Protein backbone atom coordinates (compact mmCIF):
# COMPACT_ATOMS: atom_id res chain seq x y z
CA UNK A 1 46.70 -71.03 147.54
CA UNK A 2 46.13 -67.13 149.26
CA UNK A 3 42.37 -66.05 148.41
CA UNK A 4 42.78 -63.19 145.61
CA UNK A 5 40.56 -60.14 145.59
CA UNK A 6 40.97 -58.05 142.18
CA UNK A 7 40.48 -54.69 141.83
CA UNK A 8 41.05 -51.59 138.88
CA UNK A 9 42.86 -48.83 140.16
CA UNK A 10 40.35 -45.50 140.49
CA UNK A 11 37.63 -47.85 141.66
CA UNK A 12 35.45 -48.12 144.79
CA UNK A 13 36.50 -51.08 147.17
CA UNK A 14 33.71 -52.48 149.30
CA UNK A 15 34.19 -55.92 150.94
CA UNK A 16 31.18 -56.99 153.06
CA UNK A 17 32.79 -59.71 155.80
CA UNK A 18 31.77 -61.94 158.50
CA UNK A 19 34.18 -62.58 161.51
CA UNK A 20 33.75 -66.25 162.83
CA UNK A 21 34.76 -67.46 165.85
CA UNK A 22 33.69 -70.51 164.98
CA UNK A 23 33.06 -70.69 161.17
CA UNK A 24 30.33 -72.99 160.26
CA UNK A 25 30.88 -76.18 159.02
CA UNK A 26 28.64 -78.65 157.37
CA UNK A 27 25.22 -78.47 159.24
CA UNK A 28 26.52 -76.30 162.16
CA UNK A 29 25.66 -72.44 161.92
CA UNK A 30 28.99 -71.30 163.51
CA UNK A 31 29.52 -68.43 166.05
CA UNK A 32 30.17 -65.07 164.74
CA UNK A 33 32.38 -62.67 166.36
CA UNK A 34 30.65 -59.87 167.95
CA UNK A 35 32.68 -56.57 166.13
CA UNK A 36 31.26 -54.48 168.85
CA UNK A 37 33.39 -56.21 171.59
CA UNK A 38 36.09 -57.17 168.90
CA UNK A 39 37.77 -54.17 166.81
CA UNK A 40 38.37 -55.19 163.28
CA UNK A 41 41.36 -53.37 161.54
CA UNK A 42 42.84 -54.27 158.01
CA UNK A 43 46.22 -53.24 156.43
CA UNK A 44 47.35 -54.46 153.20
CA UNK A 45 51.28 -54.19 152.00
CA UNK A 46 52.67 -54.34 148.59
CA UNK A 47 54.73 -57.25 147.39
CA UNK A 48 57.61 -55.37 145.60
CA UNK A 49 58.06 -52.06 147.24
CA UNK A 50 56.57 -52.82 151.06
CA UNK A 51 53.96 -49.70 150.99
CA UNK A 52 51.58 -50.03 153.48
CA UNK A 53 47.85 -48.93 153.25
CA UNK A 54 45.04 -49.26 156.03
CA UNK A 55 41.48 -50.20 154.82
CA UNK A 56 38.20 -48.92 156.47
CA UNK A 57 36.75 -51.37 158.74
CA UNK A 58 33.57 -50.54 159.66
CA UNK A 59 30.84 -52.22 161.55
CA UNK A 60 27.69 -53.08 159.98
CA UNK A 61 25.11 -51.20 162.05
CA UNK A 62 22.90 -53.78 163.66
CA UNK A 63 24.43 -56.85 162.01
CA UNK A 64 27.85 -56.02 163.88
CA UNK A 65 26.82 -58.50 166.73
CA UNK A 66 26.41 -61.05 163.92
CA UNK A 67 29.99 -60.40 163.06
CA UNK A 68 29.37 -58.14 159.86
CA UNK A 69 31.44 -55.46 159.05
CA UNK A 70 32.51 -53.86 155.46
CA UNK A 71 36.18 -53.30 154.45
CA UNK A 72 36.60 -49.93 152.18
CA UNK A 73 38.58 -47.73 150.16
CA UNK A 74 37.22 -44.90 148.24
CA UNK A 75 37.83 -44.32 144.54
CA UNK A 76 40.41 -41.63 144.76
CA UNK A 77 42.14 -43.09 147.25
CA UNK A 78 42.65 -46.31 145.25
CA UNK A 79 43.58 -44.25 142.04
CA UNK A 80 46.99 -43.75 143.79
CA UNK A 81 47.67 -47.82 144.92
CA UNK A 82 50.23 -49.05 142.58
CA UNK A 83 49.40 -51.82 140.67
CA UNK A 84 50.61 -55.33 141.37
CA UNK A 85 49.71 -57.51 144.53
CA UNK A 86 48.76 -56.72 148.20
CA UNK A 87 49.12 -58.82 150.75
CA UNK A 88 46.71 -58.19 153.62
CA UNK A 89 45.13 -59.68 156.40
CA UNK A 90 42.41 -58.70 159.16
CA UNK A 91 43.20 -57.97 162.95
CA UNK A 92 40.73 -58.48 165.53
CA UNK A 93 41.39 -56.83 168.95
CA UNK A 94 39.94 -56.88 172.36
CA UNK A 95 41.01 -56.00 176.18
CA UNK A 96 44.42 -56.35 174.72
CA UNK A 97 44.21 -59.84 172.82
CA UNK A 98 45.13 -59.39 169.44
CA UNK A 99 43.88 -62.33 166.94
CA UNK A 100 44.29 -62.17 162.60
CA UNK A 101 42.82 -64.05 159.59
CA UNK A 102 44.70 -65.60 157.33
CA UNK A 103 46.78 -63.81 154.74
CA UNK A 104 44.82 -62.86 151.45
CA UNK A 105 45.71 -60.87 148.29
CA UNK A 106 44.11 -57.86 146.56
CA UNK A 107 45.48 -57.70 142.95
CA UNK A 108 45.10 -54.13 142.02
CA UNK A 109 45.06 -53.66 137.85
CA UNK A 110 45.57 -50.98 135.59
CA UNK A 111 42.27 -49.08 135.01
CA UNK A 112 41.59 -48.76 131.21
CA UNK A 113 39.17 -46.05 131.33
CA UNK A 114 40.04 -42.85 133.33
């Protein structure tokens, strides 16, 4: 089953992320992917309409060497998103090499309070 993130339309989105070359397992601490050298990018696609939207993917300052970055969208931007399921992944690029994460879902719900 795909990982699912839920957001209401018109809310700000900020996802703290860590990129791993080798993910932590058990006692193994894993090896983070330096996002100063591997540039993250994220795009999501609406499952019904096919509309595509890019999320901002910014390294987290001094923690970028430890794989830390933030995926985000402003409230004014999410207000215009159609409700429903959006399929997304994060793509890392460095010197012509491209790798992508597993696909995850961002489920956009209608906001009750305008």
